Amino acid sequence: MEWLQNATTIAVIKLVAFLMYLNVFIGFAMGAILLKSFTGIENPFSMNWTLFFSTGIQGLLVLICYLGLNPLVKSIYILRCFYGESRTTGADLSVILRRIISLRGATAGVALLVAICSLFAATPAVAQSAAPAQASERGGELSQNIESVLQGSEYQWRMPREGGPKVEEESSWLASGFKDLGAWINSMLEWIGNAIGDLIDWLFGGKETPLVPSEAPADSAWMAMMPKFLMVLAGVLIIGVIWLFIRNWRQSRRTQLVEADAAPAEIDLESEHVVATQLPENEWLRMAREKMEAGELRLALRALFLATLAHLGEKRMLQINGTKSNGDYVREINRKARGHEDVQASFLRQVRTFDRVWYGWHEVTHELMTSFQEEHERITRHAA
């Protein structure tokens, strides 16, 4: 029946592994969802749930389950091997015998302790009455012997000096500094405690005078304290308002200085690292008009496409990220802009036109630019 035991063990281990995998997978997915809920920031898993089933993520989850389950499997099979070898060596019987011997030793010790306690409890009352007198006599003799031994010359250095001058210990500057620091800290703590005590006494009417007469109701105590408490709250509120005003003033001044000093960076539309979030929509439109006037229609088309992305990002229909492709944007807007078929269709046409021009050899004409701009206006009108 050994094969049946092994098969049952393997079945139980597989069931435990499957349940552990489900727990780890659900915990990982819930963590990604809660991260978006608490921070309000999209992450790759909230934008594309199929990433949970990617090879890398699944490998990570399986590795976590393996690290958690591997010690349990090793422990089970170590015990099985031990009991299997014990059939010929009898090692399991020796372990049981050692345990019994240790238990017997402990039992014998407890029995001996109980017997000793019983023996002392059964001592006659006469011996108990005579024991204090003998103990006092032996104690006196012992004290005399100790004093006579201590009078020897080898123990004179331990005795205190009588009548000798007291030598003051010289302390170093570091020790004196630490003493002064400790005294200062103690004085500061005492001052803070006294200040807090004075404030509490002022609020509650002082220590000497009772707060209210004994026959007055308990609510009158709070009524008597309320004006002072309101004064303290008003003071704290005024200080908080002044602090917020100063903080905002400093922050706004710092922002103005940075904006005045920082020169606007020139954006290279030819670069593949340009992201739509670098400028607002109106700045991209201004750049597109400038490129059209300069005759650079290809760059004007890209600036207009970036303006569309910036507008959709402001309307939270797209999460702009430099690592995303245009296909990712199309799938995202189909998911987030449900019920806005005009926006989806216009954006899909824009993406196809832009890909043919930017990544292909399609020529940009004024008619194409006019059509591309109409798609942008249609998106901004229906996505508002």
Protein backbone atom coordinates (compact mmCIF):
# COMPACT_ATOMS: atom_id res chain seq x y z
CA MET A 1 0.00 0.00 0.00
CA GLU A 2 3.05 2.28 -0.11
CA TRP A 3 2.22 3.38 -3.66
CA LEU A 4 -1.25 4.43 -2.49
CA GLN A 5 0.20 6.52 0.32
CA ASN A 6 2.64 8.18 -2.07
CA ALA A 7 -0.10 8.84 -4.65
CA THR A 8 -2.33 10.35 -1.96
CA THR A 9 0.53 12.55 -0.75
CA ILE A 10 1.23 13.78 -4.27
CA ALA A 11 -2.48 14.52 -4.84
CA VAL A 12 -2.67 16.53 -1.60
CA ILE A 13 0.51 18.45 -2.49
CA LYS A 14 -0.88 19.31 -5.94
CA LEU A 15 -4.15 20.50 -4.39
CA VAL A 16 -2.26 22.69 -1.91
CA ALA A 17 -0.06 24.05 -4.74
CA PHE A 18 -3.12 24.93 -6.84
CA LEU A 19 -4.80 26.71 -3.91
CA MET A 20 -1.56 28.58 -3.16
CA TYR A 21 -1.28 29.66 -6.81
CA LEU A 22 -4.88 30.94 -6.76
CA ASN A 23 -4.19 32.95 -3.60
CA VAL A 24 -0.99 34.48 -4.99
CA PHE A 25 -2.62 35.29 -8.35
CA ILE A 26 -5.70 36.89 -6.75
CA GLY A 27 -3.52 38.84 -4.32
CA PHE A 28 -1.32 40.13 -7.15
CA ALA A 29 -4.35 41.18 -9.22
CA MET A 30 -6.06 42.86 -6.26
CA GLY A 31 -2.84 44.70 -5.46
CA ALA A 32 -2.68 46.17 -8.97
CA ILE A 33 -6.37 47.20 -8.81
CA LEU A 34 -6.04 48.73 -5.33
CA LEU A 35 -2.91 50.60 -6.42
CA LYS A 36 -4.93 52.32 -9.13
CA SER A 37 -7.84 52.97 -6.73
CA PHE A 38 -5.65 54.55 -4.02
CA THR A 39 -3.27 56.53 -6.24
CA GLY A 40 -5.54 57.27 -9.22
CA ILE A 41 -2.67 56.40 -11.57
CA GLU A 42 -3.04 53.89 -14.35
CA ASN A 43 -0.56 51.02 -14.35
CA PRO A 44 0.16 48.50 -17.11
CA PHE A 45 -2.03 45.86 -15.46
CA SER A 46 -5.07 48.13 -15.10
CA MET A 47 -4.77 49.20 -18.73
CA ASN A 48 -4.22 45.72 -20.14
CA TRP A 49 -5.49 42.83 -17.99
CA THR A 50 -3.97 40.25 -20.35
CA LEU A 51 -0.56 41.06 -18.83
CA PHE A 52 -1.55 38.93 -15.83
CA PHE A 53 -1.32 35.88 -18.10
CA SER A 54 2.00 36.80 -19.68
CA THR A 55 4.90 34.39 -19.43
CA GLY A 56 6.95 36.59 -17.12
CA ILE A 57 4.16 37.23 -14.60
CA GLN A 58 3.06 33.59 -14.57
CA GLY A 59 6.67 32.51 -14.08
CA LEU A 60 7.00 34.91 -11.14
CA LEU A 61 3.80 33.58 -9.52
CA VAL A 62 4.91 29.97 -9.99
CA LEU A 63 8.32 30.81 -8.49
CA ILE A 64 6.65 32.35 -5.41
CA CYS A 65 4.47 29.24 -5.00
CA TYR A 66 7.53 27.00 -5.38
CA LEU A 67 9.47 28.91 -2.70
CA GLY A 68 6.52 28.57 -0.33
CA LEU A 69 5.75 24.90 -1.05
CA ASN A 70 9.24 23.44 -1.48
CA PRO A 71 10.10 23.27 2.29
CA LEU A 72 6.81 21.45 2.97
CA VAL A 73 7.44 18.85 0.23
CA LYS A 74 10.99 18.25 1.44
CA SER A 75 9.81 17.80 5.02
CA ILE A 76 7.16 15.27 3.97
CA TYR A 77 9.56 13.13 1.96
CA ILE A 78 12.30 13.35 4.60
CA LEU A 79 9.84 11.80 7.06
CA ARG A 80 8.82 9.14 4.52
CA CYS A 81 12.45 8.21 3.88
CA PHE A 82 13.14 8.10 7.62
CA TYR A 83 10.23 5.76 8.32
CA GLY A 84 11.15 3.65 5.29
CA GLU A 85 14.73 3.14 6.52
CA SER A 86 13.48 2.52 10.05
CA ARG A 87 11.92 -0.75 8.89
CA THR A 88 15.41 -2.23 8.65
CA THR A 89 17.36 -0.12 11.17
CA GLY A 90 14.76 0.47 13.88
CA ALA A 91 15.71 4.15 14.14
CA ASP A 92 12.12 5.16 14.88
CA LEU A 93 12.03 2.77 17.87
CA SER A 94 15.26 4.26 19.26
CA VAL A 95 13.77 7.74 19.00
CA ILE A 96 10.67 6.59 20.88
CA LEU A 97 12.83 4.89 23.54
CA ARG A 98 14.93 8.03 24.05
CA ARG A 99 11.74 10.02 24.47
CA ILE A 100 10.41 7.51 27.04
CA ILE A 101 13.72 7.58 28.94
CA SER A 102 13.72 11.35 29.06
CA LEU A 103 10.12 11.32 30.28
CA ARG A 104 10.99 8.74 32.95
CA GLY A 105 13.93 10.84 34.12
CA ALA A 106 11.70 13.88 34.42
CA THR A 107 9.07 11.83 36.27
CA ALA A 108 11.68 10.46 38.70
CA GLY A 109 12.96 13.97 39.35
CA VAL A 110 9.45 15.21 40.11
CA ALA A 111 8.84 12.24 42.43
CA LEU A 112 12.10 12.90 44.28
CA LEU A 113 11.20 16.58 44.71
CA VAL A 114 7.78 15.65 46.08
CA ALA A 115 9.38 13.17 48.52
CA ILE A 116 11.85 15.80 49.78
CA CYS A 117 9.06 18.31 50.28
CA SER A 118 7.03 15.71 52.18
CA LEU A 119 10.04 14.87 54.37
CA PHE A 120 10.53 18.50 55.33
CA ALA A 121 6.83 18.91 55.97
CA ALA A 122 6.83 15.88 58.33
CA THR A 123 9.59 17.24 60.64
CA PRO A 124 8.44 17.29 64.32
CA ALA A 125 7.36 20.55 65.89
CA VAL A 126 10.02 20.25 68.58
CA ALA A 127 12.80 20.42 66.00
CA GLN A 128 11.15 23.44 64.47
CA SER A 129 11.08 25.25 67.84
CA ALA A 130 14.70 24.38 68.59
CA ALA A 131 15.99 25.35 65.13
CA PRO A 132 15.78 29.17 65.57
CA ALA A 133 17.87 29.15 68.77
CA GLN A 134 20.59 26.99 67.18
CA ALA A 135 20.54 29.12 64.03
CA SER A 136 20.97 32.33 66.04
CA GLU A 137 23.93 30.89 67.97
CA ARG A 138 25.61 29.68 64.77
CA GLY A 139 24.91 33.06 63.13
CA GLY A 140 26.63 34.88 65.99
CA GLU A 141 29.69 32.64 65.81
CA LEU A 142 29.85 33.06 62.04
CA SER A 143 29.72 36.86 62.32
CA GLN A 144 32.55 36.88 64.85
CA ASN A 145 34.69 34.64 62.63
CA ILE A 146 34.09 36.90 59.60
CA GLU A 147 35.06 40.04 61.54
CA SER A 148 38.22 38.45 62.86
CA VAL A 149 39.26 37.37 59.37
CA LEU A 150 38.59 40.81 57.89
CA GLN A 151 40.89 42.40 60.45
CA GLY A 152 43.83 40.79 58.66
CA SER A 153 46.31 42.90 56.70
CA GLU A 154 45.41 41.37 53.37
CA TYR A 155 41.88 42.81 53.67
CA GLN A 156 42.75 46.25 55.02
CA TRP A 157 42.54 47.85 51.56
CA ARG A 158 38.87 47.05 51.44
CA MET A 159 38.06 48.87 54.69
CA PRO A 160 36.97 52.53 54.51
CA ARG A 161 39.51 55.14 55.53
CA GLU A 162 38.79 56.89 58.78
CA GLY A 163 39.63 60.53 59.21
CA GLY A 164 41.53 60.73 55.93
CA PRO A 165 41.12 63.69 53.58
CA LYS A 166 38.50 63.30 50.92
CA VAL A 167 39.99 63.27 47.46
CA GLU A 168 37.81 64.86 44.86
CA GLU A 169 37.68 62.94 41.63
CA GLU A 170 38.76 64.91 38.65
CA SER A 171 36.45 64.46 35.72
CA SER A 172 37.42 64.98 32.11
CA TRP A 173 35.99 67.73 29.91
CA LEU A 174 33.90 65.15 28.02
CA ALA A 175 32.27 63.86 31.22
CA SER A 176 31.59 67.38 32.45
CA GLY A 177 30.14 68.27 29.07
CA PHE A 178 27.79 65.31 29.20
CA LYS A 179 26.76 66.27 32.74
CA ASP A 180 25.99 69.83 31.64
CA LEU A 181 24.03 68.53 28.65
CA GLY A 182 22.01 66.18 30.86
CA ALA A 183 21.28 69.01 33.30
CA TRP A 184 20.17 71.27 30.43
CA ILE A 185 17.89 68.58 28.99
CA ASN A 186 16.36 67.98 32.42
CA SER A 187 15.76 71.69 32.89
CA MET A 188 14.16 72.00 29.44
CA LEU A 189 11.90 69.02 30.09
CA GLU A 190 10.94 70.49 33.44
CA TRP A 191 10.20 73.87 31.82
CA ILE A 192 8.03 72.24 29.11
CA GLY A 193 6.17 70.23 31.77
CA ASN A 194 5.58 73.37 33.84
CA ALA A 195 4.34 75.25 30.77
CA ILE A 196 1.90 72.47 29.88
CA GLY A 197 0.76 72.32 33.52
CA ASP A 198 0.23 76.09 33.60
CA LEU A 199 -1.82 75.90 30.40
CA ILE A 200 -3.98 73.12 31.83
CA ASP A 201 -4.38 75.05 35.07
CA TRP A 202 -5.38 78.16 33.12
CA LEU A 203 -7.93 76.19 31.13
CA PHE A 204 -9.46 74.46 34.12
CA GLY A 205 -9.30 77.40 36.52
CA GLY A 206 -6.12 76.67 38.51
CA LYS A 207 -5.12 74.18 41.18
CA GLU A 208 -6.04 76.18 44.25
CA THR A 209 -9.57 77.16 43.38
CA PRO A 210 -12.09 74.45 42.68
CA LEU A 211 -13.48 74.52 39.20
CA VAL A 212 -17.11 74.68 40.33
CA PRO A 213 -18.89 74.35 43.67
CA SER A 214 -19.62 70.81 44.78
CA GLU A 215 -23.34 71.30 44.50
CA ALA A 216 -23.10 72.64 40.90
CA PRO A 217 -23.85 70.27 38.03
CA ALA A 218 -20.94 68.64 36.16
CA ASP A 219 -21.82 70.35 32.85
CA SER A 220 -21.04 73.76 34.32
CA ALA A 221 -17.35 72.82 34.47
CA TRP A 222 -17.21 72.50 30.69
CA MET A 223 -19.20 75.71 30.31
CA ALA A 224 -16.67 77.54 32.48
CA MET A 225 -13.74 76.13 30.48
CA MET A 226 -15.29 76.69 27.03
CA PRO A 227 -14.31 80.41 26.51
CA LYS A 228 -10.64 79.70 27.28
CA PHE A 229 -10.67 76.60 25.12
CA LEU A 230 -12.14 78.59 22.23
CA MET A 231 -9.46 81.22 22.68
CA VAL A 232 -6.75 78.54 22.40
CA LEU A 233 -8.37 77.09 19.27
CA ALA A 234 -8.65 80.55 17.74
CA GLY A 235 -4.95 81.16 18.40
CA VAL A 236 -3.98 77.83 16.83
CA LEU A 237 -6.22 78.59 13.82
CA ILE A 238 -4.67 82.03 13.32
CA ILE A 239 -1.15 80.59 13.50
CA GLY A 240 -2.10 77.85 10.98
CA VAL A 241 -3.59 80.38 8.55
CA ILE A 242 -0.49 82.57 8.77
CA TRP A 243 1.77 79.56 8.20
CA LEU A 244 -0.24 78.42 5.14
CA PHE A 245 -0.18 81.95 3.72
CA ILE A 246 3.60 82.22 4.11
CA ARG A 247 4.10 78.76 2.65
CA ASN A 248 1.93 79.45 -0.42
CA TRP A 249 3.58 82.82 -0.91
CA ARG A 250 7.05 81.26 -0.87
CA GLN A 251 6.00 78.46 -3.20
CA SER A 252 4.38 80.84 -5.70
CA ARG A 253 7.41 83.10 -5.60
CA ARG A 254 9.74 80.15 -6.16
CA THR A 255 7.59 78.98 -9.08
CA GLN A 256 7.64 82.46 -10.64
CA LEU A 257 11.41 82.64 -10.33
CA VAL A 258 11.83 79.20 -11.92
CA GLU A 259 9.47 80.08 -14.77
CA ALA A 260 11.27 83.37 -15.32
CA ASP A 261 14.73 81.79 -15.30
CA ALA A 262 13.95 78.63 -17.24
CA ALA A 263 13.99 79.16 -20.98
CA PRO A 264 11.43 77.13 -22.92
CA ALA A 265 13.10 74.04 -24.34
CA GLU A 266 12.91 73.57 -28.09
CA ILE A 267 11.10 70.35 -28.97
CA ASP A 268 12.50 68.33 -31.83
CA LEU A 269 9.55 66.82 -33.70
CA GLU A 270 11.89 64.46 -35.50
CA SER A 271 12.83 62.76 -32.24
CA GLU A 272 11.11 59.50 -31.32
CA HIS A 273 11.19 60.45 -27.63
CA VAL A 274 8.65 63.28 -27.92
CA VAL A 275 5.59 62.70 -25.68
CA ALA A 276 2.26 64.49 -25.95
CA THR A 277 2.37 65.50 -22.28
CA GLN A 278 5.35 67.79 -22.85
CA LEU A 279 3.09 70.60 -24.06
CA PRO A 280 -0.62 71.43 -23.75
CA GLU A 281 -2.95 71.10 -26.72
CA ASN A 282 -2.87 74.77 -27.73
CA GLU A 283 0.95 74.77 -27.88
CA TRP A 284 0.95 71.73 -30.21
CA LEU A 285 -1.62 73.48 -32.42
CA ARG A 286 0.53 76.60 -32.51
CA MET A 287 3.54 74.51 -33.48
CA ALA A 288 1.51 72.76 -36.20
CA ARG A 289 0.50 76.13 -37.70
CA GLU A 290 4.10 77.32 -37.66
CA LYS A 291 5.30 74.19 -39.45
CA MET A 292 2.52 74.51 -42.05
CA GLU A 293 3.50 78.09 -42.74
CA ALA A 294 7.13 76.97 -43.07
CA GLY A 295 6.08 74.26 -45.55
CA GLU A 296 7.11 71.37 -43.28
CA LEU A 297 3.84 69.46 -43.63
CA ARG A 298 5.18 66.17 -42.29
CA LEU A 299 6.23 67.79 -38.98
CA ALA A 300 2.99 69.76 -38.90
CA LEU A 301 1.05 66.48 -39.18
CA ARG A 302 2.92 65.05 -36.22
CA ALA A 303 2.36 68.19 -34.12
CA LEU A 304 -1.36 68.00 -34.90
CA PHE A 305 -1.46 64.32 -33.93
CA LEU A 306 0.30 65.14 -30.64
CA ALA A 307 -2.33 67.83 -30.04
CA THR A 308 -5.03 65.16 -30.42
CA LEU A 309 -3.25 62.89 -27.94
CA ALA A 310 -2.85 65.78 -25.47
CA HIS A 311 -6.58 66.57 -25.72
CA LEU A 312 -7.62 62.95 -25.15
CA GLY A 313 -5.18 62.74 -22.24
CA GLU A 314 -6.73 65.82 -20.62
CA LYS A 315 -10.20 64.24 -21.02
CA ARG A 316 -8.89 61.02 -19.38
CA MET A 317 -9.76 58.96 -22.43
CA LEU A 318 -6.09 58.07 -22.85
CA GLN A 319 -3.21 57.56 -20.43
CA ILE A 320 -0.26 59.09 -22.27
CA ASN A 321 2.96 57.13 -21.94
CA GLY A 322 6.11 57.18 -24.03
CA THR A 323 6.29 53.38 -24.07
CA LYS A 324 2.89 52.92 -25.73
CA SER A 325 2.36 52.43 -29.43
CA ASN A 326 -0.45 53.88 -31.52
CA GLY A 327 -2.10 50.46 -31.51
CA ASP A 328 -2.13 50.58 -27.69
CA TYR A 329 -3.84 53.97 -27.86
CA VAL A 330 -6.49 52.61 -30.26
CA ARG A 331 -7.27 49.67 -27.96
CA GLU A 332 -7.35 51.95 -24.92
CA ILE A 333 -9.75 54.46 -26.47
CA ASN A 334 -12.03 51.65 -27.64
CA ARG A 335 -12.19 50.52 -24.03
CA LYS A 336 -12.53 53.90 -22.31
CA ALA A 337 -14.58 55.83 -24.88
CA ARG A 338 -17.51 53.45 -25.14
CA GLY A 339 -20.55 55.27 -26.43
CA HIS A 340 -18.35 57.75 -28.35
CA GLU A 341 -18.26 56.01 -31.71
CA ASP A 342 -17.40 59.25 -33.53
CA VAL A 343 -14.32 59.72 -31.36
CA GLN A 344 -13.21 56.13 -31.88
CA ALA A 345 -13.68 56.26 -35.67
CA SER A 346 -11.97 59.66 -36.09
CA PHE A 347 -9.03 58.64 -33.92
CA LEU A 348 -8.61 55.38 -35.83
CA ARG A 349 -8.49 57.30 -39.13
CA GLN A 350 -5.94 59.71 -37.67
CA VAL A 351 -3.73 56.85 -36.49
CA ARG A 352 -3.81 55.15 -39.88
CA THR A 353 -2.99 58.39 -41.71
CA PHE A 354 -0.18 59.25 -39.31
CA ASP A 355 1.37 55.76 -39.55
CA ARG A 356 1.35 55.89 -43.37
CA VAL A 357 3.03 59.30 -43.35
CA TRP A 358 5.46 59.02 -40.42
CA TYR A 359 6.53 55.39 -40.78
CA GLY A 360 5.94 55.08 -44.52
CA TRP A 361 6.52 57.00 -47.73
CA HIS A 362 3.07 58.53 -48.10
CA GLU A 363 3.27 62.13 -49.30
CA VAL A 364 1.65 64.87 -47.22
CA THR A 365 -0.51 67.31 -49.17
CA HIS A 366 -2.54 70.30 -48.11
CA GLU A 367 -5.75 68.32 -48.70
CA LEU A 368 -4.47 65.59 -46.37
CA MET A 369 -3.60 68.18 -43.74
CA THR A 370 -7.08 69.73 -44.03
CA SER A 371 -8.72 66.32 -43.61
CA PHE A 372 -6.43 65.49 -40.66
CA GLN A 373 -7.32 68.80 -39.00
CA GLU A 374 -11.05 68.14 -39.49
CA GLU A 375 -10.63 64.79 -37.73
CA HIS A 376 -8.91 66.60 -34.85
CA GLU A 377 -11.77 69.11 -34.58
CA ARG A 378 -14.33 66.31 -34.69
CA ILE A 379 -12.53 64.51 -31.84
CA THR A 380 -12.31 67.66 -29.69
CA ARG A 381 -15.98 68.41 -30.32
CA HIS A 382 -17.32 64.95 -29.39
CA ALA A 383 -14.80 64.26 -26.61
CA ALA A 384 -15.62 67.45 -24.70
